[in-house]
Amino acid sequence: MVIMVTQYGWWQVQREDVGWEVALPDSYVDAASAPWAGELLALGQQLARYRGTDGQQTIVAVTLPARDYGALFVACGWLLSREIPASPGWMDRLAELTRGVPVRMAMQDCVVVDRFYGCRSSSDGMRVHVGSSQWALGRVVSLEVDEDAGKYGFGRKEIPRPGGLVSAYVDTASWRRVFCTARASVAIIGVKSRLHGELELRAARRRSGRGLDRLGDIVRPRQRESISWGSVIIPGGREDLAELPGEVALAIMDGASAIRWLPEIRTPVVLAIIDRSSADESAVATVLQLRSTGVPVSVERLGWSPQAGVEGSTFEVPL
């Protein structure tokens, strides 16, 4: 591992191939090696584990040869590394639930968001009545009350089978519980049409023996018809920046049009992705200006070292 410091305090680190493959939607069989994907997944993972200084905002700025898919891979690493809440004892609490209360129920193959109408015994065992259907209790992974669920609409969504990317981070039970959540812990700010197009990319660990995971199934951006989500995608090129949900802990600013909002973002952690192929130098200027008011964070403290060709700088500023 070789660390090189430039005159501006940026750092570069060379490291070995971390063994990831990616495939576009029309080339599932011919997946290509993508060590850079593993680097960005690792960055998201470390950001999810990082504990900053109280009252300080942690800002990580990285430059990439091209920023395609970068924001989404970091978001995947973040979301798959966040603590997934378990719901021990949920079965014992079924008898205490009020009839008609909105619930989120994770099954073995789908998530159902609707109103709870009780339980009953049948010839094939206990069944739970949620929405217009009754489900075998043995198929239920978790069931939690969500008083706000009615605000966003009820429905049913299939849970994708976990592939080689998801399985590298979480077990099957945790993956199912992920789809019971409706909290955007990460906001991706950038060109919305481009980011939505990138959601179709698929990835897996090389020679994992498992299928490819669609990035959109992991990032799960909130949309009008969503009943489950883990992120929001916000356009960064408009005159005004949309308000971020209060639960957002990481803001990923993808490109110069998004990074111009950096001084206004108040999330605990911010990642600014700078595209070195762009002639627009305003993003670098914005980061350096803010960095001059902050305190540097060491590579060792962050716990992430990028591959050659990627530069980064981490610092803290008052939140």
C-alpha atoms as a PDB file:
ATOM      1  CA  MET A   1       0.000   0.000   0.000  1.00  0.00           C
ATOM      2  CA  VAL A   2       1.483   3.340  -1.098  1.00  0.00           C
ATOM      3  CA  ILE A   3       0.218   6.716   0.161  1.00  0.00           C
ATOM      4  CA  MET A   4       1.044   9.880  -1.787  1.00  0.00           C
ATOM      5  CA  VAL A   5       0.243  13.393  -0.559  1.00  0.00           C
ATOM      6  CA  THR A   6      -0.126  16.275  -3.000  1.00  0.00           C
ATOM      7  CA  GLN A   7       0.338  19.970  -2.357  1.00  0.00           C
ATOM      8  CA  TYR A   8      -3.363  20.335  -1.530  1.00  0.00           C
ATOM      9  CA  GLY A   9      -3.378  17.551   1.023  1.00  0.00           C
ATOM     10  CA  TRP A  10      -5.243  15.032  -1.142  1.00  0.00           C
ATOM     11  CA  TRP A  11      -4.254  11.400  -0.855  1.00  0.00           C
ATOM     12  CA  GLN A  12      -3.995   8.424  -3.159  1.00  0.00           C
ATOM     13  CA  VAL A  13      -3.576   4.790  -2.222  1.00  0.00           C
ATOM     14  CA  GLN A  14      -2.824   1.763  -4.360  1.00  0.00           C
ATOM     15  CA  ARG A  15      -4.351  -1.535  -3.336  1.00  0.00           C
ATOM     16  CA  GLU A  16      -5.147  -4.939  -4.824  1.00  0.00           C
ATOM     17  CA  ASP A  17      -8.172  -5.937  -6.864  1.00  0.00           C
ATOM     18  CA  VAL A  18     -11.149  -6.537  -4.574  1.00  0.00           C
ATOM     19  CA  GLY A  19     -12.907  -8.828  -7.033  1.00  0.00           C
ATOM     20  CA  TRP A  20     -16.216  -7.393  -8.222  1.00  0.00           C
ATOM     21  CA  GLU A  21     -18.051  -7.780 -11.511  1.00  0.00           C
ATOM     22  CA  VAL A  22     -20.706  -5.573 -13.095  1.00  0.00           C
ATOM     23  CA  ALA A  23     -23.105  -6.105 -15.988  1.00  0.00           C
ATOM     24  CA  LEU A  24     -25.442  -3.820 -17.911  1.00  0.00           C
ATOM     25  CA  PRO A  25     -29.072  -4.992 -18.256  1.00  0.00           C
ATOM     26  CA  ASP A  26     -28.472  -6.340 -21.776  1.00  0.00           C
ATOM     27  CA  SER A  27     -25.309  -8.295 -20.892  1.00  0.00           C
ATOM     28  CA  TYR A  28     -26.041 -10.328 -17.761  1.00  0.00           C
ATOM     29  CA  VAL A  29     -23.903 -13.246 -18.906  1.00  0.00           C
ATOM     30  CA  ASP A  30     -20.827 -11.283 -19.959  1.00  0.00           C
ATOM     31  CA  ALA A  31     -20.105  -9.474 -16.695  1.00  0.00           C
ATOM     32  CA  ALA A  32     -16.919  -7.402 -16.667  1.00  0.00           C
ATOM     33  CA  SER A  33     -14.348  -7.098 -13.889  1.00  0.00           C
ATOM     34  CA  ALA A  34     -14.799  -3.900 -11.895  1.00  0.00           C
ATOM     35  CA  PRO A  35     -12.306  -3.476  -9.012  1.00  0.00           C
ATOM     36  CA  TRP A  36     -13.356   0.174  -8.735  1.00  0.00           C
ATOM     37  CA  ALA A  37     -16.842  -0.967  -7.722  1.00  0.00           C
ATOM     38  CA  GLY A  38     -15.422  -2.740  -4.680  1.00  0.00           C
ATOM     39  CA  GLU A  39     -13.491   0.387  -3.708  1.00  0.00           C
ATOM     40  CA  LEU A  40     -16.644   2.491  -3.740  1.00  0.00           C
ATOM     41  CA  LEU A  41     -18.671  -0.142  -1.901  1.00  0.00           C
ATOM     42  CA  ALA A  42     -15.929  -0.166   0.739  1.00  0.00           C
ATOM     43  CA  LEU A  43     -16.158   3.612   1.033  1.00  0.00           C
ATOM     44  CA  GLY A  44     -19.900   3.421   1.678  1.00  0.00           C
ATOM     45  CA  GLN A  45     -19.291   0.682   4.218  1.00  0.00           C
ATOM     46  CA  GLN A  46     -16.731   2.732   6.123  1.00  0.00           C
ATOM     47  CA  LEU A  47     -18.905   5.851   6.061  1.00  0.00           C
ATOM     48  CA  ALA A  48     -21.729   3.813   7.605  1.00  0.00           C
ATOM     49  CA  ARG A  49     -19.410   2.688  10.408  1.00  0.00           C
ATOM     50  CA  TYR A  50     -17.630   5.999  10.910  1.00  0.00           C
ATOM     51  CA  ARG A  51     -18.302   7.924  14.106  1.00  0.00           C
ATOM     52  CA  GLY A  52     -17.479  11.585  13.754  1.00  0.00           C
ATOM     53  CA  THR A  53     -16.828  14.229  16.376  1.00  0.00           C
ATOM     54  CA  ASP A  54     -19.907  15.521  18.186  1.00  0.00           C
ATOM     55  CA  GLY A  55     -21.133  18.780  16.694  1.00  0.00           C
ATOM     56  CA  GLN A  56     -19.001  18.337  13.574  1.00  0.00           C
ATOM     57  CA  GLN A  57     -19.940  17.437  10.022  1.00  0.00           C
ATOM     58  CA  THR A  58     -17.666  14.962   8.238  1.00  0.00           C
ATOM     59  CA  ILE A  59     -17.019  15.807   4.584  1.00  0.00           C
ATOM     60  CA  VAL A  60     -15.316  13.357   2.246  1.00  0.00           C
ATOM     61  CA  ALA A  61     -14.365  14.588  -1.229  1.00  0.00           C
ATOM     62  CA  VAL A  62     -13.167  12.140  -3.878  1.00  0.00           C
ATOM     63  CA  THR A  63     -12.176  12.670  -7.492  1.00  0.00           C
ATOM     64  CA  LEU A  64     -12.880   9.900  -9.993  1.00  0.00           C
ATOM     65  CA  PRO A  65     -11.691   9.493 -13.591  1.00  0.00           C
ATOM     66  CA  ALA A  66     -15.423   9.332 -14.417  1.00  0.00           C
ATOM     67  CA  ARG A  67     -18.207   9.367 -11.885  1.00  0.00           C
ATOM     68  CA  ASP A  68     -20.548   6.882 -13.616  1.00  0.00           C
ATOM     69  CA  TYR A  69     -22.235   4.639 -11.034  1.00  0.00           C
ATOM     70  CA  GLY A  70     -19.981   6.006  -8.286  1.00  0.00           C
ATOM     71  CA  ALA A  71     -22.740   7.538  -6.163  1.00  0.00           C
ATOM     72  CA  LEU A  72     -24.868   4.400  -6.371  1.00  0.00           C
ATOM     73  CA  PHE A  73     -22.088   2.010  -5.360  1.00  0.00           C
ATOM     74  CA  VAL A  74     -21.269   4.177  -2.333  1.00  0.00           C
ATOM     75  CA  ALA A  75     -24.976   4.261  -1.444  1.00  0.00           C
ATOM     76  CA  CYS A  76     -25.131   0.446  -1.748  1.00  0.00           C
ATOM     77  CA  GLY A  77     -22.159   0.036   0.589  1.00  0.00           C
ATOM     78  CA  TRP A  78     -23.755   2.443   3.058  1.00  0.00           C
ATOM     79  CA  LEU A  79     -27.223   0.855   3.031  1.00  0.00           C
ATOM     80  CA  LEU A  80     -25.984  -2.735   3.252  1.00  0.00           C
ATOM     81  CA  SER A  81     -23.683  -1.857   6.158  1.00  0.00           C
ATOM     82  CA  ARG A  82     -26.206   0.048   8.249  1.00  0.00           C
ATOM     83  CA  GLU A  83     -27.567  -1.792  11.242  1.00  0.00           C
ATOM     84  CA  ILE A  84     -30.754  -3.555  10.182  1.00  0.00           C
ATOM     85  CA  PRO A  85     -33.223  -3.497  13.086  1.00  0.00           C
ATOM     86  CA  ALA A  86     -34.436  -6.878  14.236  1.00  0.00           C
ATOM     87  CA  SER A  87     -37.900  -7.354  15.661  1.00  0.00           C
ATOM     88  CA  PRO A  88     -37.575  -9.993  18.384  1.00  0.00           C
ATOM     89  CA  GLY A  89     -40.810 -10.946  20.064  1.00  0.00           C
ATOM     90  CA  TRP A  90     -43.031  -9.471  17.348  1.00  0.00           C
ATOM     91  CA  MET A  91     -45.105 -12.668  17.287  1.00  0.00           C
ATOM     92  CA  ASP A  92     -45.845 -12.383  20.997  1.00  0.00           C
ATOM     93  CA  ARG A  93     -47.183  -8.859  20.480  1.00  0.00           C
ATOM     94  CA  LEU A  94     -49.738  -9.758  17.801  1.00  0.00           C
ATOM     95  CA  ALA A  95     -52.518 -10.211  20.364  1.00  0.00           C
ATOM     96  CA  GLU A  96     -51.919  -6.646  21.615  1.00  0.00           C
ATOM     97  CA  LEU A  97     -52.291  -4.965  18.214  1.00  0.00           C
ATOM     98  CA  THR A  98     -55.303  -2.756  17.629  1.00  0.00           C
ATOM     99  CA  ARG A  99     -57.590  -3.817  14.807  1.00  0.00           C
ATOM    100  CA  GLY A 100     -57.088  -1.580  11.770  1.00  0.00           C
ATOM    101  CA  VAL A 101     -53.611  -0.349  12.722  1.00  0.00           C
ATOM    102  CA  PRO A 102     -51.210   0.077   9.743  1.00  0.00           C
ATOM    103  CA  VAL A 103     -48.380  -2.464   9.725  1.00  0.00           C
ATOM    104  CA  ARG A 104     -45.331  -3.420   7.670  1.00  0.00           C
ATOM    105  CA  MET A 105     -45.032  -7.162   7.275  1.00  0.00           C
ATOM    106  CA  ALA A 106     -42.049  -8.910   5.701  1.00  0.00           C
ATOM    107  CA  MET A 107     -42.755 -12.318   4.214  1.00  0.00           C
ATOM    108  CA  GLN A 108     -40.286 -14.829   2.780  1.00  0.00           C
ATOM    109  CA  ASP A 109     -40.825 -13.463  -0.728  1.00  0.00           C
ATOM    110  CA  CYS A 110     -42.604 -10.117  -0.400  1.00  0.00           C
ATOM    111  CA  VAL A 111     -43.374  -7.182   1.866  1.00  0.00           C
ATOM    112  CA  VAL A 112     -46.953  -6.146   2.604  1.00  0.00           C
ATOM    113  CA  VAL A 113     -47.964  -2.728   3.929  1.00  0.00           C
ATOM    114  CA  ASP A 114     -51.612  -2.529   4.976  1.00  0.00           C
ATOM    115  CA  ARG A 115     -53.954  -2.621   7.967  1.00  0.00           C
ATOM    116  CA  PHE A 116     -53.900  -5.403  10.536  1.00  0.00           C
ATOM    117  CA  TYR A 117     -57.192  -7.177  11.234  1.00  0.00           C
ATOM    118  CA  GLY A 118     -56.140  -9.920  13.610  1.00  0.00           C
ATOM    119  CA  CYS A 119     -55.155 -13.597  13.634  1.00  0.00           C
ATOM    120  CA  ARG A 120     -57.153 -16.803  13.404  1.00  0.00           C
ATOM    121  CA  SER A 121     -56.461 -20.510  13.473  1.00  0.00           C
ATOM    122  CA  SER A 122     -57.157 -22.643  10.420  1.00  0.00           C
ATOM    123  CA  SER A 123     -56.786 -26.251   9.348  1.00  0.00           C
ATOM    124  CA  ASP A 124     -53.249 -25.506   8.113  1.00  0.00           C
ATOM    125  CA  GLY A 125     -52.158 -23.462  11.127  1.00  0.00           C
ATOM    126  CA  MET A 126     -52.347 -19.886  12.382  1.00  0.00           C
ATOM    127  CA  ARG A 127     -52.996 -17.149   9.813  1.00  0.00           C
ATOM    128  CA  VAL A 128     -52.566 -13.384  10.092  1.00  0.00           C
ATOM    129  CA  HIS A 129     -55.073 -11.065   8.412  1.00  0.00           C
ATOM    130  CA  VAL A 130     -53.387  -8.012   6.822  1.00  0.00           C
ATOM    131  CA  GLY A 131     -55.181  -5.993   4.165  1.00  0.00           C
ATOM    132  CA  SER A 132     -57.547  -8.102   2.080  1.00  0.00           C
ATOM    133  CA  SER A 133     -55.558 -11.332   2.513  1.00  0.00           C
ATOM    134  CA  GLN A 134     -54.772 -13.842   5.212  1.00  0.00           C
ATOM    135  CA  TRP A 135     -51.223 -15.152   5.394  1.00  0.00           C
ATOM    136  CA  ALA A 136     -49.716 -18.250   6.978  1.00  0.00           C
ATOM    137  CA  LEU A 137     -47.956 -17.090  10.122  1.00  0.00           C
ATOM    138  CA  GLY A 138     -45.035 -19.392   9.352  1.00  0.00           C
ATOM    139  CA  ARG A 139     -44.222 -17.333   6.243  1.00  0.00           C
ATOM    140  CA  VAL A 140     -43.971 -14.058   8.178  1.00  0.00           C
ATOM    141  CA  VAL A 141     -40.415 -12.854   8.917  1.00  0.00           C
ATOM    142  CA  SER A 142     -41.370  -9.719  10.853  1.00  0.00           C
ATOM    143  CA  LEU A 143     -44.366  -7.495  11.481  1.00  0.00           C
ATOM    144  CA  GLU A 144     -44.193  -3.998  12.905  1.00  0.00           C
ATOM    145  CA  VAL A 145     -46.710  -1.214  13.452  1.00  0.00           C
ATOM    146  CA  ASP A 146     -46.160   1.898  11.301  1.00  0.00           C
ATOM    147  CA  GLU A 147     -48.706   4.600  12.092  1.00  0.00           C
ATOM    148  CA  ASP A 148     -47.444   6.699   9.168  1.00  0.00           C
ATOM    149  CA  ALA A 149     -47.780   3.958   6.558  1.00  0.00           C
ATOM    150  CA  GLY A 150     -51.214   5.186   5.503  1.00  0.00           C
ATOM    151  CA  LYS A 151     -49.746   8.530   4.429  1.00  0.00           C
ATOM    152  CA  TYR A 152     -47.734   6.900   1.650  1.00  0.00           C
ATOM    153  CA  GLY A 153     -50.178   4.232   0.520  1.00  0.00           C
ATOM    154  CA  PHE A 154     -50.577   0.520   1.036  1.00  0.00           C
ATOM    155  CA  GLY A 155     -49.479  -2.288  -1.227  1.00  0.00           C
ATOM    156  CA  ARG A 156     -47.375  -5.368  -1.799  1.00  0.00           C
ATOM    157  CA  LYS A 157     -43.864  -5.641  -3.243  1.00  0.00           C
ATOM    158  CA  GLU A 158     -41.808  -8.688  -4.138  1.00  0.00           C
ATOM    159  CA  ILE A 159     -38.451  -9.054  -2.401  1.00  0.00           C
ATOM    160  CA  PRO A 160     -35.710  -9.796  -4.964  1.00  0.00           C
ATOM    161  CA  ARG A 161     -33.640 -12.895  -4.358  1.00  0.00           C
ATOM    162  CA  PRO A 162     -30.271 -11.792  -2.872  1.00  0.00           C
ATOM    163  CA  GLY A 163     -27.317 -12.239  -5.218  1.00  0.00           C
ATOM    164  CA  GLY A 164     -23.560 -12.057  -4.860  1.00  0.00           C
ATOM    165  CA  LEU A 165     -23.437  -8.377  -3.877  1.00  0.00           C
ATOM    166  CA  VAL A 166     -26.128  -8.447  -1.194  1.00  0.00           C
ATOM    167  CA  SER A 167     -24.911 -11.777   0.215  1.00  0.00           C
ATOM    168  CA  ALA A 168     -21.453 -10.304   0.799  1.00  0.00           C
ATOM    169  CA  TYR A 169     -22.978  -7.967   3.388  1.00  0.00           C
ATOM    170  CA  VAL A 170     -26.175  -9.417   4.904  1.00  0.00           C
ATOM    171  CA  ASP A 171     -27.903 -12.738   5.427  1.00  0.00           C
ATOM    172  CA  THR A 172     -31.237 -13.622   3.855  1.00  0.00           C
ATOM    173  CA  ALA A 173     -33.310 -12.803   6.966  1.00  0.00           C
ATOM    174  CA  SER A 174     -31.758  -9.343   7.252  1.00  0.00           C
ATOM    175  CA  TRP A 175     -32.302  -8.717   3.533  1.00  0.00           C
ATOM    176  CA  ARG A 176     -36.006  -9.435   3.963  1.00  0.00           C
ATOM    177  CA  ARG A 177     -36.257  -7.067   6.922  1.00  0.00           C
ATOM    178  CA  VAL A 178     -34.631  -4.318   4.845  1.00  0.00           C
ATOM    179  CA  PHE A 179     -37.786  -4.182   2.729  1.00  0.00           C
ATOM    180  CA  CYS A 180     -39.890  -3.454   5.801  1.00  0.00           C
ATOM    181  CA  THR A 181     -38.172  -0.085   6.180  1.00  0.00           C
ATOM    182  CA  ALA A 182     -39.381   3.215   4.797  1.00  0.00           C
ATOM    183  CA  ARG A 183     -36.654   5.609   5.901  1.00  0.00           C
ATOM    184  CA  ALA A 184     -34.266   7.455   3.629  1.00  0.00           C
ATOM    185  CA  SER A 185     -30.927   7.303   5.442  1.00  0.00           C
ATOM    186  CA  VAL A 186     -29.064   8.503   2.323  1.00  0.00           C
ATOM    187  CA  ALA A 187     -29.807  11.288  -0.160  1.00  0.00           C
ATOM    188  CA  ILE A 188     -28.162  11.304  -3.587  1.00  0.00           C
ATOM    189  CA  ILE A 189     -28.054  14.756  -5.158  1.00  0.00           C
ATOM    190  CA  GLY A 190     -27.271  14.990  -8.855  1.00  0.00           C
ATOM    191  CA  VAL A 191     -28.763  14.614 -12.322  1.00  0.00           C
ATOM    192  CA  LYS A 192     -31.934  12.704 -11.541  1.00  0.00           C
ATOM    193  CA  SER A 193     -32.488  11.173 -14.997  1.00  0.00           C
ATOM    194  CA  ARG A 194     -28.907   9.914 -15.118  1.00  0.00           C
ATOM    195  CA  LEU A 195     -29.014   8.414 -11.631  1.00  0.00           C
ATOM    196  CA  HIS A 196     -32.316   6.642 -12.304  1.00  0.00           C
ATOM    197  CA  GLY A 197     -30.814   5.164 -15.478  1.00  0.00           C
ATOM    198  CA  GLU A 198     -27.829   3.852 -13.517  1.00  0.00           C
ATOM    199  CA  LEU A 199     -30.128   1.944 -11.136  1.00  0.00           C
ATOM    200  CA  GLU A 200     -30.375  -0.839 -13.731  1.00  0.00           C
ATOM    201  CA  LEU A 201     -26.707  -1.839 -13.399  1.00  0.00           C
ATOM    202  CA  ARG A 202     -26.109  -5.215 -11.762  1.00  0.00           C
ATOM    203  CA  ALA A 203     -23.135  -6.424  -9.741  1.00  0.00           C
ATOM    204  CA  ALA A 204     -21.792  -9.394  -7.777  1.00  0.00           C
ATOM    205  CA  ARG A 205     -18.590 -10.584  -6.184  1.00  0.00           C
ATOM    206  CA  ARG A 206     -16.528 -12.527  -8.693  1.00  0.00           C
ATOM    207  CA  ARG A 207     -16.844 -16.309  -8.469  1.00  0.00           C
ATOM    208  CA  SER A 208     -19.367 -16.008  -5.651  1.00  0.00           C
ATOM    209  CA  GLY A 209     -21.574 -18.610  -7.286  1.00  0.00           C
ATOM    210  CA  ARG A 210     -24.560 -16.288  -6.889  1.00  0.00           C
ATOM    211  CA  GLY A 211     -26.455 -14.074  -9.295  1.00  0.00           C
ATOM    212  CA  LEU A 212     -26.100 -10.364  -9.950  1.00  0.00           C
ATOM    213  CA  ASP A 213     -27.979  -7.819  -7.833  1.00  0.00           C
ATOM    214  CA  ARG A 214     -29.695  -4.806  -9.397  1.00  0.00           C
ATOM    215  CA  LEU A 215     -28.395  -1.615  -7.771  1.00  0.00           C
ATOM    216  CA  GLY A 216     -31.888  -0.142  -7.691  1.00  0.00           C
ATOM    217  CA  ASP A 217     -33.091  -3.005  -5.496  1.00  0.00           C
ATOM    218  CA  ILE A 218     -30.465  -2.058  -2.908  1.00  0.00           C
ATOM    219  CA  VAL A 219     -30.634   1.740  -3.131  1.00  0.00           C
ATOM    220  CA  ARG A 220     -34.463   1.657  -3.277  1.00  0.00           C
ATOM    221  CA  PRO A 221     -35.055   5.368  -3.958  1.00  0.00           C
ATOM    222  CA  ARG A 222     -38.367   6.722  -2.762  1.00  0.00           C
ATOM    223  CA  GLN A 223     -40.869   7.164  -5.580  1.00  0.00           C
ATOM    224  CA  ARG A 224     -44.520   8.063  -5.725  1.00  0.00           C
ATOM    225  CA  GLU A 225     -45.660   4.435  -5.807  1.00  0.00           C
ATOM    226  CA  SER A 226     -43.102   3.143  -3.279  1.00  0.00           C
ATOM    227  CA  ILE A 227     -44.144   1.294  -0.138  1.00  0.00           C
ATOM    228  CA  SER A 228     -40.521   0.643   0.889  1.00  0.00           C
ATOM    229  CA  TRP A 229     -37.443   2.790   0.416  1.00  0.00           C
ATOM    230  CA  GLY A 230     -33.984   3.486   1.792  1.00  0.00           C
ATOM    231  CA  SER A 231     -32.936   6.629  -0.077  1.00  0.00           C
ATOM    232  CA  VAL A 232     -34.053   9.700  -1.992  1.00  0.00           C
ATOM    233  CA  ILE A 233     -32.683  11.041  -5.276  1.00  0.00           C
ATOM    234  CA  ILE A 234     -32.795  14.823  -5.482  1.00  0.00           C
ATOM    235  CA  PRO A 235     -32.037  16.948  -8.568  1.00  0.00           C
ATOM    236  CA  GLY A 236     -29.068  19.229  -7.955  1.00  0.00           C
ATOM    237  CA  GLY A 237     -29.337  21.472 -10.995  1.00  0.00           C
ATOM    238  CA  ARG A 238     -32.450  23.412 -10.053  1.00  0.00           C
ATOM    239  CA  GLU A 239     -32.625  26.957  -8.718  1.00  0.00           C
ATOM    240  CA  ASP A 240     -33.564  25.686  -5.259  1.00  0.00           C
ATOM    241  CA  LEU A 241     -32.533  22.467  -3.534  1.00  0.00           C
ATOM    242  CA  ALA A 242     -35.395  20.332  -2.267  1.00  0.00           C
ATOM    243  CA  GLU A 243     -35.497  19.773   1.477  1.00  0.00           C
ATOM    244  CA  LEU A 244     -33.840  16.560   2.597  1.00  0.00           C
ATOM    245  CA  PRO A 245     -35.828  14.183   4.831  1.00  0.00           C
ATOM    246  CA  GLY A 246     -34.908  14.589   8.481  1.00  0.00           C
ATOM    247  CA  GLU A 247     -33.644  11.017   8.782  1.00  0.00           C
ATOM    248  CA  VAL A 248     -30.940  11.415   6.120  1.00  0.00           C
ATOM    249  CA  ALA A 249     -27.501  10.782   7.636  1.00  0.00           C
ATOM    250  CA  LEU A 250     -25.426  10.734   4.433  1.00  0.00           C
ATOM    251  CA  ALA A 251     -25.706  13.155   1.520  1.00  0.00           C
ATOM    252  CA  ILE A 252     -23.908  12.113  -1.676  1.00  0.00           C
ATOM    253  CA  MET A 253     -23.286  15.058  -3.993  1.00  0.00           C
ATOM    254  CA  ASP A 254     -22.679  13.755  -7.499  1.00  0.00           C
ATOM    255  CA  GLY A 255     -20.894  16.257  -9.737  1.00  0.00           C
ATOM    256  CA  ALA A 256     -20.407  20.012  -9.876  1.00  0.00           C
ATOM    257  CA  SER A 257     -24.094  20.938 -10.154  1.00  0.00           C
ATOM    258  CA  ALA A 258     -24.736  19.148  -6.858  1.00  0.00           C
ATOM    259  CA  ILE A 259     -21.530  20.139  -5.041  1.00  0.00           C
ATOM    260  CA  ARG A 260     -22.434  23.827  -5.312  1.00  0.00           C
ATOM    261  CA  TRP A 261     -24.970  23.114  -2.540  1.00  0.00           C
ATOM    262  CA  LEU A 262     -22.269  21.729  -0.225  1.00  0.00           C
ATOM    263  CA  PRO A 263     -22.193  24.719   2.168  1.00  0.00           C
ATOM    264  CA  GLU A 264     -25.963  24.376   2.736  1.00  0.00           C
ATOM    265  CA  ILE A 265     -26.097  20.652   3.526  1.00  0.00           C
ATOM    266  CA  ARG A 266     -26.422  19.805   7.230  1.00  0.00           C
ATOM    267  CA  THR A 267     -26.322  16.014   7.286  1.00  0.00           C
ATOM    268  CA  PRO A 268     -23.765  14.387   9.646  1.00  0.00           C
ATOM    269  CA  VAL A 269     -21.782  12.929   6.708  1.00  0.00           C
ATOM    270  CA  VAL A 270     -21.349  14.324   3.186  1.00  0.00           C
ATOM    271  CA  LEU A 271     -19.607  12.757   0.201  1.00  0.00           C
ATOM    272  CA  ALA A 272     -18.682  15.017  -2.726  1.00  0.00           C
ATOM    273  CA  ILE A 273     -17.879  13.136  -5.959  1.00  0.00           C
ATOM    274  CA  ILE A 274     -15.798  15.178  -8.393  1.00  0.00           C
ATOM    275  CA  ASP A 275     -15.548  14.112 -12.034  1.00  0.00           C
ATOM    276  CA  ARG A 276     -12.011  14.695 -13.320  1.00  0.00           C
ATOM    277  CA  SER A 277     -13.211  14.368 -16.920  1.00  0.00           C
ATOM    278  CA  SER A 278     -15.269  17.548 -16.482  1.00  0.00           C
ATOM    279  CA  ALA A 279     -13.799  20.933 -17.390  1.00  0.00           C
ATOM    280  CA  ASP A 280     -15.844  22.572 -14.625  1.00  0.00           C
ATOM    281  CA  GLU A 281     -13.435  23.350 -11.767  1.00  0.00           C
ATOM    282  CA  SER A 282     -16.046  24.931  -9.512  1.00  0.00           C
ATOM    283  CA  ALA A 283     -16.543  21.711  -7.523  1.00  0.00           C
ATOM    284  CA  VAL A 284     -12.871  21.569  -6.500  1.00  0.00           C
ATOM    285  CA  ALA A 285     -12.949  25.260  -5.576  1.00  0.00           C
ATOM    286  CA  THR A 286     -16.046  24.761  -3.398  1.00  0.00           C
ATOM    287  CA  VAL A 287     -14.478  21.836  -1.547  1.00  0.00           C
ATOM    288  CA  LEU A 288     -11.133  23.572  -1.016  1.00  0.00           C
ATOM    289  CA  GLN A 289     -12.794  26.718   0.274  1.00  0.00           C
ATOM    290  CA  LEU A 290     -14.797  24.761   2.831  1.00  0.00           C
ATOM    291  CA  ARG A 291     -11.809  22.582   3.683  1.00  0.00           C
ATOM    292  CA  SER A 292      -9.808  25.677   4.638  1.00  0.00           C
ATOM    293  CA  THR A 293     -12.260  26.250   7.507  1.00  0.00           C
ATOM    294  CA  GLY A 294     -12.167  22.662   8.757  1.00  0.00           C
ATOM    295  CA  VAL A 295      -9.958  20.122  10.508  1.00  0.00           C
ATOM    296  CA  PRO A 296      -8.397  17.267   8.460  1.00  0.00           C
ATOM    297  CA  VAL A 297      -9.367  13.652   9.200  1.00  0.00           C
ATOM    298  CA  SER A 298      -6.642  11.043   8.716  1.00  0.00           C
ATOM    299  CA  VAL A 299      -6.911   8.102   6.320  1.00  0.00           C
ATOM    300  CA  GLU A 300      -6.468   5.750   9.277  1.00  0.00           C
ATOM    301  CA  ARG A 301      -9.406   7.281  11.170  1.00  0.00           C
ATOM    302  CA  LEU A 302     -11.741   7.037   8.187  1.00  0.00           C
ATOM    303  CA  GLY A 303     -10.556   3.497   7.496  1.00  0.00           C
ATOM    304  CA  TRP A 304     -10.752   3.696   3.701  1.00  0.00           C
ATOM    305  CA  SER A 305      -7.957   3.776   1.155  1.00  0.00           C
ATOM    306  CA  PRO A 306      -8.842   4.259  -2.537  1.00  0.00           C
ATOM    307  CA  GLN A 307      -7.122   2.645  -5.480  1.00  0.00           C
ATOM    308  CA  ALA A 308      -4.624   4.406  -7.717  1.00  0.00           C
ATOM    309  CA  GLY A 309      -6.237   7.075  -9.862  1.00  0.00           C
ATOM    310  CA  VAL A 310      -8.665   8.130  -7.136  1.00  0.00           C
ATOM    311  CA  GLU A 311      -7.892  11.096  -4.899  1.00  0.00           C
ATOM    312  CA  GLY A 312      -9.628  12.057  -1.694  1.00  0.00           C
ATOM    313  CA  SER A 313      -9.709  14.439   1.209  1.00  0.00           C
ATOM    314  CA  THR A 314     -11.610  14.125   4.493  1.00  0.00           C
ATOM    315  CA  PHE A 315     -12.221  16.904   6.987  1.00  0.00           C
ATOM    316  CA  GLU A 316     -14.669  18.073   9.622  1.00  0.00           C
ATOM    317  CA  VAL A 317     -16.457  21.415   9.884  1.00  0.00           C
ATOM    318  CA  PRO A 318     -18.906  22.684  12.521  1.00  0.00           C
ATOM    319  CA  LEU A 319     -22.367  21.254  11.944  1.00  0.00           C
END
